[in-house]
Full PDB file with SEQRES, HELIX, SHEET, SSBOND, CRYST1, ORIGX, SCALE, CONECT and MASTER records, all heavy atoms in Angstrom:
SEQRES   1 A   37  LEU PRO SER ILE ALA PHE THR ILE PHE GLY HIS ASP ILE          
SEQRES   2 A   37  HIS PHE TYR GLY LEU ILE ILE ALA PHE GLY PHE THR LEU          
SEQRES   3 A   37  ALA VAL LEU TYR GLY GLY ARG MET ALA TYR LYS                  
HELIX    1 AA1 PHE A   15  TYR A   36  1                                  22    
SHEET    1 AA1 2 ILE A   4  ILE A   8  0                                        
SHEET    2 AA1 2 HIS A  11  HIS A  14 -1                                        
CRYST1    1.000    1.000    1.000  90.00  90.00  90.00 P 1           1          
ORIGX1      1.000000  0.000000  0.000000        0.00000                         
ORIGX2      0.000000  1.000000  0.000000        0.00000                         
ORIGX3      0.000000  0.000000  1.000000        0.00000                         
SCALE1      1.000000  0.000000  0.000000        0.00000                         
SCALE2      0.000000  1.000000  0.000000        0.00000                         
SCALE3      0.000000  0.000000  1.000000        0.00000                         
ATOM      1  N   LEU A   1      -7.747  -8.527  16.031  1.00  0.00           N  
ATOM      2  CA  LEU A   1      -6.985  -7.806  14.998  1.00  0.00           C  
ATOM      3  C   LEU A   1      -6.506  -8.829  13.964  1.00  0.00           C  
ATOM      4  O   LEU A   1      -5.758  -9.748  14.282  1.00  0.00           O  
ATOM      5  CB  LEU A   1      -5.778  -7.112  15.642  1.00  0.00           C  
ATOM      6  CG  LEU A   1      -4.898  -6.345  14.710  1.00  0.00           C  
ATOM      7  CD1 LEU A   1      -5.633  -5.016  14.282  1.00  0.00           C  
ATOM      8  CD2 LEU A   1      -3.534  -5.909  15.391  1.00  0.00           C  
ATOM      9  N   PRO A   2      -6.940  -8.679  12.718  1.00  0.00           N  
ATOM     10  CA  PRO A   2      -6.537  -9.622  11.639  1.00  0.00           C  
ATOM     11  C   PRO A   2      -5.114  -9.281  11.161  1.00  0.00           C  
ATOM     12  O   PRO A   2      -4.714  -8.113  11.155  1.00  0.00           O  
ATOM     13  CB  PRO A   2      -7.594  -9.438  10.581  1.00  0.00           C  
ATOM     14  CG  PRO A   2      -7.953  -7.993  10.750  1.00  0.00           C  
ATOM     15  CD  PRO A   2      -7.888  -7.675  12.199  1.00  0.00           C  
ATOM     16  N   SER A   3      -4.424 -10.262  10.734  1.00  0.00           N  
ATOM     17  CA  SER A   3      -3.108 -10.057  10.068  1.00  0.00           C  
ATOM     18  C   SER A   3      -3.229 -10.167   8.555  1.00  0.00           C  
ATOM     19  O   SER A   3      -2.434  -9.639   7.809  1.00  0.00           O  
ATOM     20  CB  SER A   3      -2.093 -11.028  10.594  1.00  0.00           C  
ATOM     21  OG  SER A   3      -2.460 -12.350  10.283  1.00  0.00           O  
ATOM     22  N   ILE A   4      -4.264 -10.929   8.087  1.00  0.00           N  
ATOM     23  CA  ILE A   4      -4.387 -11.089   6.638  1.00  0.00           C  
ATOM     24  C   ILE A   4      -5.592 -10.373   6.150  1.00  0.00           C  
ATOM     25  O   ILE A   4      -6.702 -10.410   6.701  1.00  0.00           O  
ATOM     26  CB  ILE A   4      -4.576 -12.620   6.314  1.00  0.00           C  
ATOM     27  CG1 ILE A   4      -3.303 -13.384   6.751  1.00  0.00           C  
ATOM     28  CG2 ILE A   4      -4.881 -12.854   4.861  1.00  0.00           C  
ATOM     29  CD1 ILE A   4      -3.413 -14.891   6.556  1.00  0.00           C  
ATOM     30  N   ALA A   5      -5.393  -9.539   5.064  1.00  0.00           N  
ATOM     31  CA  ALA A   5      -6.470  -8.711   4.558  1.00  0.00           C  
ATOM     32  C   ALA A   5      -7.395  -9.542   3.685  1.00  0.00           C  
ATOM     33  O   ALA A   5      -8.609  -9.494   3.786  1.00  0.00           O  
ATOM     34  CB  ALA A   5      -5.859  -7.540   3.740  1.00  0.00           C  
ATOM     35  N   PHE A   6      -6.785 -10.319   2.776  1.00  0.00           N  
ATOM     36  CA  PHE A   6      -7.592 -11.172   1.849  1.00  0.00           C  
ATOM     37  C   PHE A   6      -6.631 -12.161   1.220  1.00  0.00           C  
ATOM     38  O   PHE A   6      -5.422 -12.037   1.302  1.00  0.00           O  
ATOM     39  CB  PHE A   6      -8.356 -10.330   0.822  1.00  0.00           C  
ATOM     40  CG  PHE A   6      -7.466  -9.413   0.020  1.00  0.00           C  
ATOM     41  CD1 PHE A   6      -6.833  -9.825  -1.166  1.00  0.00           C  
ATOM     42  CD2 PHE A   6      -7.320  -8.122   0.415  1.00  0.00           C  
ATOM     43  CE1 PHE A   6      -6.045  -9.048  -1.901  1.00  0.00           C  
ATOM     44  CE2 PHE A   6      -6.494  -7.259  -0.387  1.00  0.00           C  
ATOM     45  CZ  PHE A   6      -5.909  -7.702  -1.509  1.00  0.00           C  
ATOM     46  N   THR A   7      -7.238 -13.086   0.465  1.00  0.00           N  
ATOM     47  CA  THR A   7      -6.455 -14.163  -0.229  1.00  0.00           C  
ATOM     48  C   THR A   7      -6.780 -14.059  -1.635  1.00  0.00           C  
ATOM     49  O   THR A   7      -7.928 -13.963  -2.050  1.00  0.00           O  
ATOM     50  CB  THR A   7      -6.756 -15.560   0.313  1.00  0.00           C  
ATOM     51  OG1 THR A   7      -6.449 -15.596   1.714  1.00  0.00           O  
ATOM     52  CG2 THR A   7      -5.890 -16.620  -0.384  1.00  0.00           C  
ATOM     53  N   ILE A   8      -5.719 -14.068  -2.510  1.00  0.00           N  
ATOM     54  CA  ILE A   8      -5.957 -14.035  -3.949  1.00  0.00           C  
ATOM     55  C   ILE A   8      -5.057 -14.990  -4.660  1.00  0.00           C  
ATOM     56  O   ILE A   8      -3.845 -15.110  -4.321  1.00  0.00           O  
ATOM     57  CB  ILE A   8      -5.710 -12.588  -4.492  1.00  0.00           C  
ATOM     58  CG1 ILE A   8      -6.037 -12.495  -5.983  1.00  0.00           C  
ATOM     59  CG2 ILE A   8      -4.332 -12.135  -4.170  1.00  0.00           C  
ATOM     60  CD1 ILE A   8      -6.014 -11.051  -6.514  1.00  0.00           C  
ATOM     61  N   PHE A   9      -5.653 -15.824  -5.497  1.00  0.00           N  
ATOM     62  CA  PHE A   9      -4.946 -16.906  -6.219  1.00  0.00           C  
ATOM     63  C   PHE A   9      -4.107 -17.746  -5.291  1.00  0.00           C  
ATOM     64  O   PHE A   9      -3.000 -18.213  -5.503  1.00  0.00           O  
ATOM     65  CB  PHE A   9      -4.014 -16.312  -7.265  1.00  0.00           C  
ATOM     66  CG  PHE A   9      -4.707 -15.463  -8.252  1.00  0.00           C  
ATOM     67  CD1 PHE A   9      -4.298 -14.127  -8.489  1.00  0.00           C  
ATOM     68  CD2 PHE A   9      -5.754 -15.922  -8.992  1.00  0.00           C  
ATOM     69  CE1 PHE A   9      -4.970 -13.343  -9.431  1.00  0.00           C  
ATOM     70  CE2 PHE A   9      -6.400 -15.153  -9.919  1.00  0.00           C  
ATOM     71  CZ  PHE A   9      -6.001 -13.892 -10.173  1.00  0.00           C  
ATOM     72  N   GLY A  10      -4.726 -18.022  -4.058  1.00  0.00           N  
ATOM     73  CA  GLY A  10      -4.071 -18.900  -3.104  1.00  0.00           C  
ATOM     74  C   GLY A  10      -3.004 -18.265  -2.268  1.00  0.00           C  
ATOM     75  O   GLY A  10      -2.386 -18.925  -1.470  1.00  0.00           O  
ATOM     76  N   HIS A  11      -2.812 -16.920  -2.458  1.00  0.00           N  
ATOM     77  CA  HIS A  11      -1.750 -16.227  -1.681  1.00  0.00           C  
ATOM     78  C   HIS A  11      -2.416 -15.287  -0.677  1.00  0.00           C  
ATOM     79  O   HIS A  11      -3.252 -14.515  -1.046  1.00  0.00           O  
ATOM     80  CB  HIS A  11      -0.837 -15.477  -2.604  1.00  0.00           C  
ATOM     81  CG  HIS A  11      -0.017 -16.370  -3.527  1.00  0.00           C  
ATOM     82  ND1 HIS A  11       1.099 -17.070  -3.100  1.00  0.00           N  
ATOM     83  CD2 HIS A  11      -0.186 -16.718  -4.840  1.00  0.00           C  
ATOM     84  CE1 HIS A  11       1.556 -17.790  -4.110  1.00  0.00           C  
ATOM     85  NE2 HIS A  11       0.787 -17.562  -5.174  1.00  0.00           N  
ATOM     86  N   ASP A  12      -1.941 -15.316   0.585  1.00  0.00           N  
ATOM     87  CA  ASP A  12      -2.459 -14.400   1.599  1.00  0.00           C  
ATOM     88  C   ASP A  12      -1.826 -13.007   1.420  1.00  0.00           C  
ATOM     89  O   ASP A  12      -0.599 -12.861   1.291  1.00  0.00           O  
ATOM     90  CB  ASP A  12      -2.065 -14.934   2.956  1.00  0.00           C  
ATOM     91  CG  ASP A  12      -2.833 -16.193   3.314  1.00  0.00           C  
ATOM     92  OD1 ASP A  12      -3.956 -16.406   2.748  1.00  0.00           O  
ATOM     93  OD2 ASP A  12      -2.314 -17.000   4.110  1.00  0.00           O  
ATOM     94  N   ILE A  13      -2.668 -11.986   1.403  1.00  0.00           N  
ATOM     95  CA  ILE A  13      -2.207 -10.622   1.314  1.00  0.00           C  
ATOM     96  C   ILE A  13      -2.326 -10.038   2.755  1.00  0.00           C  
ATOM     97  O   ILE A  13      -3.457  -9.895   3.267  1.00  0.00           O  
ATOM     98  CB  ILE A  13      -3.052  -9.775   0.346  1.00  0.00           C  
ATOM     99  CG1 ILE A  13      -3.053 -10.465  -1.057  1.00  0.00           C  
ATOM    100  CG2 ILE A  13      -2.485  -8.332   0.238  1.00  0.00           C  
ATOM    101  CD1 ILE A  13      -1.646 -10.617  -1.633  1.00  0.00           C  
ATOM    102  N   HIS A  14      -1.196  -9.673   3.348  1.00  0.00           N  
ATOM    103  CA  HIS A  14      -1.142  -9.225   4.724  1.00  0.00           C  
ATOM    104  C   HIS A  14      -1.399  -7.734   4.799  1.00  0.00           C  
ATOM    105  O   HIS A  14      -1.008  -6.950   3.922  1.00  0.00           O  
ATOM    106  CB  HIS A  14       0.166  -9.542   5.339  1.00  0.00           C  
ATOM    107  CG  HIS A  14       0.434 -11.031   5.564  1.00  0.00           C  
ATOM    108  ND1 HIS A  14       0.301 -11.642   6.795  1.00  0.00           N  
ATOM    109  CD2 HIS A  14       0.707 -12.039   4.655  1.00  0.00           C  
ATOM    110  CE1 HIS A  14       0.552 -12.955   6.674  1.00  0.00           C  
ATOM    111  NE2 HIS A  14       0.753 -13.182   5.387  1.00  0.00           N  
ATOM    112  N   PHE A  15      -2.065  -7.314   5.879  1.00  0.00           N  
ATOM    113  CA  PHE A  15      -2.314  -5.932   6.157  1.00  0.00           C  
ATOM    114  C   PHE A  15      -0.961  -5.116   6.182  1.00  0.00           C  
ATOM    115  O   PHE A  15      -0.850  -3.971   5.772  1.00  0.00           O  
ATOM    116  CB  PHE A  15      -3.044  -5.669   7.428  1.00  0.00           C  
ATOM    117  CG  PHE A  15      -4.560  -5.778   7.290  1.00  0.00           C  
ATOM    118  CD1 PHE A  15      -5.253  -6.882   7.741  1.00  0.00           C  
ATOM    119  CD2 PHE A  15      -5.248  -4.740   6.681  1.00  0.00           C  
ATOM    120  CE1 PHE A  15      -6.589  -6.998   7.605  1.00  0.00           C  
ATOM    121  CE2 PHE A  15      -6.623  -4.813   6.527  1.00  0.00           C  
ATOM    122  CZ  PHE A  15      -7.305  -5.950   6.940  1.00  0.00           C  
ATOM    123  N   TYR A  16       0.099  -5.764   6.726  1.00  0.00           N  
ATOM    124  CA  TYR A  16       1.386  -5.165   6.841  1.00  0.00           C  
ATOM    125  C   TYR A  16       1.876  -4.632   5.469  1.00  0.00           C  
ATOM    126  O   TYR A  16       2.223  -3.473   5.304  1.00  0.00           O  
ATOM    127  CB  TYR A  16       2.395  -6.139   7.381  1.00  0.00           C  
ATOM    128  CG  TYR A  16       3.826  -5.595   7.527  1.00  0.00           C  
ATOM    129  CD1 TYR A  16       4.192  -4.905   8.694  1.00  0.00           C  
ATOM    130  CD2 TYR A  16       4.786  -5.809   6.525  1.00  0.00           C  
ATOM    131  CE1 TYR A  16       5.493  -4.411   8.794  1.00  0.00           C  
ATOM    132  CE2 TYR A  16       6.037  -5.355   6.629  1.00  0.00           C  
ATOM    133  CZ  TYR A  16       6.427  -4.641   7.748  1.00  0.00           C  
ATOM    134  OH  TYR A  16       7.681  -4.155   7.929  1.00  0.00           O  
ATOM    135  N   GLY A  17       1.830  -5.512   4.473  1.00  0.00           N  
ATOM    136  CA  GLY A  17       2.235  -5.143   3.170  1.00  0.00           C  
ATOM    137  C   GLY A  17       1.289  -4.096   2.490  1.00  0.00           C  
ATOM    138  O   GLY A  17       1.811  -3.174   1.852  1.00  0.00           O  
ATOM    139  N   LEU A  18       0.032  -4.216   2.710  1.00  0.00           N  
ATOM    140  CA  LEU A  18      -0.910  -3.279   2.136  1.00  0.00           C  
ATOM    141  C   LEU A  18      -0.688  -1.868   2.735  1.00  0.00           C  
ATOM    142  O   LEU A  18      -0.759  -0.881   2.020  1.00  0.00           O  
ATOM    143  CB  LEU A  18      -2.379  -3.706   2.440  1.00  0.00           C  
ATOM    144  CG  LEU A  18      -2.938  -4.889   1.584  1.00  0.00           C  
ATOM    145  CD1 LEU A  18      -4.357  -5.177   2.036  1.00  0.00           C  
ATOM    146  CD2 LEU A  18      -2.916  -4.510   0.131  1.00  0.00           C  
ATOM    147  N   ILE A  19      -0.469  -1.771   3.961  1.00  0.00           N  
ATOM    148  CA  ILE A  19      -0.251  -0.502   4.639  1.00  0.00           C  
ATOM    149  C   ILE A  19       1.006   0.132   4.180  1.00  0.00           C  
ATOM    150  O   ILE A  19       1.082   1.355   3.913  1.00  0.00           O  
ATOM    151  CB  ILE A  19      -0.320  -0.625   6.166  1.00  0.00           C  
ATOM    152  CG1 ILE A  19      -1.729  -1.000   6.589  1.00  0.00           C  
ATOM    153  CG2 ILE A  19       0.168   0.659   6.853  1.00  0.00           C  
ATOM    154  CD1 ILE A  19      -1.855  -1.406   8.064  1.00  0.00           C  
ATOM    155  N   ILE A  20       2.078  -0.613   4.090  1.00  0.00           N  
ATOM    156  CA  ILE A  20       3.348  -0.114   3.591  1.00  0.00           C  
ATOM    157  C   ILE A  20       3.168   0.413   2.151  1.00  0.00           C  
ATOM    158  O   ILE A  20       3.640   1.471   1.794  1.00  0.00           O  
ATOM    159  CB  ILE A  20       4.449  -1.222   3.607  1.00  0.00           C  
ATOM    160  CG1 ILE A  20       4.752  -1.674   5.027  1.00  0.00           C  
ATOM    161  CG2 ILE A  20       5.735  -0.727   2.921  1.00  0.00           C  
ATOM    162  CD1 ILE A  20       5.351  -0.620   5.887  1.00  0.00           C  
ATOM    163  N   ALA A  21       2.436  -0.366   1.354  1.00  0.00           N  
ATOM    164  CA  ALA A  21       2.215   0.006  -0.043  1.00  0.00           C  
ATOM    165  C   ALA A  21       1.345   1.305  -0.133  1.00  0.00           C  
ATOM    166  O   ALA A  21       1.614   2.188  -1.001  1.00  0.00           O  
ATOM    167  CB  ALA A  21       1.507  -1.132  -0.805  1.00  0.00           C  
ATOM    168  N   PHE A  22       0.382   1.410   0.773  1.00  0.00           N  
ATOM    169  CA  PHE A  22      -0.469   2.577   0.787  1.00  0.00           C  
ATOM    170  C   PHE A  22       0.356   3.858   1.153  1.00  0.00           C  
ATOM    171  O   PHE A  22       0.228   4.897   0.485  1.00  0.00           O  
ATOM    172  CB  PHE A  22      -1.584   2.436   1.782  1.00  0.00           C  
ATOM    173  CG  PHE A  22      -2.540   3.576   1.875  1.00  0.00           C  
ATOM    174  CD1 PHE A  22      -3.224   4.003   0.803  1.00  0.00           C  
ATOM    175  CD2 PHE A  22      -2.670   4.246   3.103  1.00  0.00           C  
ATOM    176  CE1 PHE A  22      -4.100   5.082   0.929  1.00  0.00           C  
ATOM    177  CE2 PHE A  22      -3.518   5.302   3.206  1.00  0.00           C  
ATOM    178  CZ  PHE A  22      -4.271   5.749   2.121  1.00  0.00           C  
ATOM    179  N   GLY A  23       1.186   3.750   2.175  1.00  0.00           N  
ATOM    180  CA  GLY A  23       2.039   4.855   2.543  1.00  0.00           C  
ATOM    181  C   GLY A  23       2.965   5.234   1.453  1.00  0.00           C  
ATOM    182  O   GLY A  23       3.185   6.439   1.168  1.00  0.00           O  
ATOM    183  N   PHE A  24       3.551   4.248   0.763  1.00  0.00           N  
ATOM    184  CA  PHE A  24       4.447   4.453  -0.327  1.00  0.00           C  
ATOM    185  C   PHE A  24       3.742   5.182  -1.470  1.00  0.00           C  
ATOM    186  O   PHE A  24       4.288   6.138  -2.036  1.00  0.00           O  
ATOM    187  CB  PHE A  24       5.018   3.165  -0.830  1.00  0.00           C  
ATOM    188  CG  PHE A  24       5.956   3.287  -2.025  1.00  0.00           C  
ATOM    189  CD1 PHE A  24       7.258   3.685  -1.932  1.00  0.00           C  
ATOM    190  CD2 PHE A  24       5.474   3.001  -3.308  1.00  0.00           C  
ATOM    191  CE1 PHE A  24       8.077   3.756  -2.992  1.00  0.00           C  
ATOM    192  CE2 PHE A  24       6.252   3.059  -4.423  1.00  0.00           C  
ATOM    193  CZ  PHE A  24       7.552   3.492  -4.250  1.00  0.00           C  
ATOM    194  N   THR A  25       2.558   4.729  -1.756  1.00  0.00           N  
ATOM    195  CA  THR A  25       1.755   5.349  -2.857  1.00  0.00           C  
ATOM    196  C   THR A  25       1.447   6.838  -2.558  1.00  0.00           C  
ATOM    197  O   THR A  25       1.616   7.705  -3.465  1.00  0.00           O  
ATOM    198  CB  THR A  25       0.490   4.599  -3.100  1.00  0.00           C  
ATOM    199  OG1 THR A  25       0.766   3.263  -3.434  1.00  0.00           O  
ATOM    200  CG2 THR A  25      -0.367   5.222  -4.219  1.00  0.00           C  
ATOM    201  N   LEU A  26       1.022   7.128  -1.352  1.00  0.00           N  
ATOM    202  CA  LEU A  26       0.749   8.532  -1.017  1.00  0.00           C  
ATOM    203  C   LEU A  26       1.983   9.360  -1.051  1.00  0.00           C  
ATOM    204  O   LEU A  26       1.895  10.568  -1.491  1.00  0.00           O  
ATOM    205  CB  LEU A  26       0.151   8.594   0.424  1.00  0.00           C  
ATOM    206  CG  LEU A  26      -1.306   8.127   0.584  1.00  0.00           C  
ATOM    207  CD1 LEU A  26      -1.818   8.451   2.015  1.00  0.00           C  
ATOM    208  CD2 LEU A  26      -2.230   8.823  -0.440  1.00  0.00           C  
ATOM    209  N   ALA A  27       3.114   8.813  -0.630  1.00  0.00           N  
ATOM    210  CA  ALA A  27       4.355   9.566  -0.688  1.00  0.00           C  
ATOM    211  C   ALA A  27       4.759   9.960  -2.168  1.00  0.00           C  
ATOM    212  O   ALA A  27       5.179  11.003  -2.455  1.00  0.00           O  
ATOM    213  CB  ALA A  27       5.492   8.765  -0.041  1.00  0.00           C  
ATOM    214  N   VAL A  28       4.563   8.963  -3.023  1.00  0.00           N  
ATOM    215  CA  VAL A  28       4.825   9.095  -4.456  1.00  0.00           C  
ATOM    216  C   VAL A  28       3.942  10.180  -5.026  1.00  0.00           C  
ATOM    217  O   VAL A  28       4.394  11.065  -5.808  1.00  0.00           O  
ATOM    218  CB  VAL A  28       4.751   7.820  -5.238  1.00  0.00           C  
ATOM    219  CG1 VAL A  28       4.805   8.027  -6.718  1.00  0.00           C  
ATOM    220  CG2 VAL A  28       5.886   6.848  -4.800  1.00  0.00           C  
ATOM    221  N   LEU A  29       2.617  10.092  -4.716  1.00  0.00           N  
ATOM    222  CA  LEU A  29       1.675  11.084  -5.275  1.00  0.00           C  
ATOM    223  C   LEU A  29       1.987  12.495  -4.775  1.00  0.00           C  
ATOM    224  O   LEU A  29       1.913  13.421  -5.552  1.00  0.00           O  
ATOM    225  CB  LEU A  29       0.252  10.677  -4.840  1.00  0.00           C  
ATOM    226  CG  LEU A  29      -0.302   9.409  -5.484  1.00  0.00           C  
ATOM    227  CD1 LEU A  29      -1.668   9.085  -4.916  1.00  0.00           C  
ATOM    228  CD2 LEU A  29      -0.419   9.533  -7.015  1.00  0.00           C  
ATOM    229  N   TYR A  30       2.379  12.588  -3.534  1.00  0.00           N  
ATOM    230  CA  TYR A  30       2.735  13.928  -3.028  1.00  0.00           C  
ATOM    231  C   TYR A  30       3.952  14.443  -3.716  1.00  0.00           C  
ATOM    232  O   TYR A  30       4.052  15.614  -4.121  1.00  0.00           O  
ATOM    233  CB  TYR A  30       2.983  13.837  -1.508  1.00  0.00           C  
ATOM    234  CG  TYR A  30       3.533  15.120  -0.934  1.00  0.00           C  
ATOM    235  CD1 TYR A  30       2.612  16.120  -0.501  1.00  0.00           C  
ATOM    236  CD2 TYR A  30       4.849  15.339  -0.759  1.00  0.00           C  
ATOM    237  CE1 TYR A  30       3.092  17.278   0.000  1.00  0.00           C  
ATOM    238  CE2 TYR A  30       5.356  16.540  -0.211  1.00  0.00           C  
ATOM    239  CZ  TYR A  30       4.489  17.497   0.115  1.00  0.00           C  
ATOM    240  OH  TYR A  30       4.903  18.710   0.638  1.00  0.00           O  
ATOM    241  N   GLY A  31       5.012  13.586  -3.799  1.00  0.00           N  
ATOM    242  CA  GLY A  31       6.218  13.988  -4.465  1.00  0.00           C  
ATOM    243  C   GLY A  31       6.028  14.371  -5.898  1.00  0.00           C  
ATOM    244  O   GLY A  31       6.622  15.346  -6.409  1.00  0.00           O  
ATOM    245  N   GLY A  32       5.177  13.617  -6.609  1.00  0.00           N  
ATOM    246  CA  GLY A  32       4.864  13.974  -8.023  1.00  0.00           C  
ATOM    247  C   GLY A  32       4.177  15.238  -8.197  1.00  0.00           C  
ATOM    248  O   GLY A  32       4.496  16.020  -9.085  1.00  0.00           O  
ATOM    249  N   ARG A  33       3.240  15.534  -7.253  1.00  0.00           N  
ATOM    250  CA  ARG A  33       2.488  16.757  -7.337  1.00  0.00           C  
ATOM    251  C   ARG A  33       3.436  18.000  -7.084  1.00  0.00           C  
ATOM    252  O   ARG A  33       3.358  19.006  -7.781  1.00  0.00           O  
ATOM    253  CB  ARG A  33       1.406  16.760  -6.294  1.00  0.00           C  
ATOM    254  CG  ARG A  33       0.553  18.054  -6.170  1.00  0.00           C  
ATOM    255  CD  ARG A  33      -0.182  18.338  -7.489  1.00  0.00           C  
ATOM    256  NE  ARG A  33      -0.997  19.507  -7.377  1.00  0.00           N  
ATOM    257  CZ  ARG A  33      -1.539  20.107  -8.422  1.00  0.00           C  
ATOM    258  NH1 ARG A  33      -1.352  19.705  -9.634  1.00  0.00           N  
ATOM    259  NH2 ARG A  33      -2.314  21.188  -8.254  1.00  0.00           N  
ATOM    260  N   MET A  34       4.277  17.869  -6.056  1.00  0.00           N  
ATOM    261  CA  MET A  34       5.241  18.931  -5.737  1.00  0.00           C  
ATOM    262  C   MET A  34       6.221  19.103  -6.847  1.00  0.00           C  
ATOM    263  O   MET A  34       6.612  20.270  -7.195  1.00  0.00           O  
ATOM    264  CB  MET A  34       5.878  18.687  -4.425  1.00  0.00           C  
ATOM    265  CG  MET A  34       4.951  18.772  -3.199  1.00  0.00           C  
ATOM    266  SD  MET A  34       4.255  20.405  -2.988  1.00  0.00           S  
ATOM    267  CE  MET A  34       5.746  21.328  -2.509  1.00  0.00           C  
ATOM    268  N   ALA A  35       6.688  18.008  -7.417  1.00  0.00           N  
ATOM    269  CA  ALA A  35       7.691  18.106  -8.547  1.00  0.00           C  
ATOM    270  C   ALA A  35       7.058  18.806  -9.714  1.00  0.00           C  
ATOM    271  O   ALA A  35       7.734  19.597 -10.389  1.00  0.00           O  
ATOM    272  CB  ALA A  35       8.097  16.669  -8.937  1.00  0.00           C  
ATOM    273  N   TYR A  36       5.805  18.553  -9.988  1.00  0.00           N  
ATOM    274  CA  TYR A  36       5.107  19.283 -11.078  1.00  0.00           C  
ATOM    275  C   TYR A  36       5.023  20.784 -10.820  1.00  0.00           C  
ATOM    276  O   TYR A  36       5.318  21.599 -11.679  1.00  0.00           O  
ATOM    277  CB  TYR A  36       3.675  18.709 -11.237  1.00  0.00           C  
ATOM    278  CG  TYR A  36       2.851  19.480 -12.212  1.00  0.00           C  
ATOM    279  CD1 TYR A  36       2.979  19.257 -13.611  1.00  0.00           C  
ATOM    280  CD2 TYR A  36       1.906  20.382 -11.775  1.00  0.00           C  
ATOM    281  CE1 TYR A  36       2.263  19.997 -14.538  1.00  0.00           C  
ATOM    282  CE2 TYR A  36       1.092  21.078 -12.739  1.00  0.00           C  
ATOM    283  CZ  TYR A  36       1.286  20.891 -14.072  1.00  0.00           C  
ATOM    284  OH  TYR A  36       0.477  21.574 -14.990  1.00  0.00           O  
ATOM    285  N   LYS A  37       4.688  21.176  -9.561  1.00  0.00           N  
ATOM    286  CA  LYS A  37       4.638  22.589  -9.194  1.00  0.00           C  
ATOM    287  C   LYS A  37       6.008  23.240  -9.306  1.00  0.00           C  
ATOM    288  O   LYS A  37       6.111  24.425  -9.593  1.00  0.00           O  
ATOM    289  CB  LYS A  37       4.102  22.704  -7.749  1.00  0.00           C  
ATOM    290  CG  LYS A  37       2.595  22.409  -7.621  1.00  0.00           C  
ATOM    291  CD  LYS A  37       2.160  22.752  -6.209  1.00  0.00           C  
ATOM    292  CE  LYS A  37       0.666  22.506  -6.055  1.00  0.00           C  
ATOM    293  NZ  LYS A  37       0.176  22.828  -4.681  1.00  0.00           N  
TER     294      LYS A  37                                                      
MASTER        0    0    0    1    2    0    0    6  293    1    0    3          
END                                                                             
């Protein structure tokens, strides 16, 4: 099981942060859609 997804500009991007960001993004998209309705 990897902990680092990829490295960019010398900085490690961890799966932990990516997954949190992904969940946050989906929550925002859902909220925005419902707010529009």
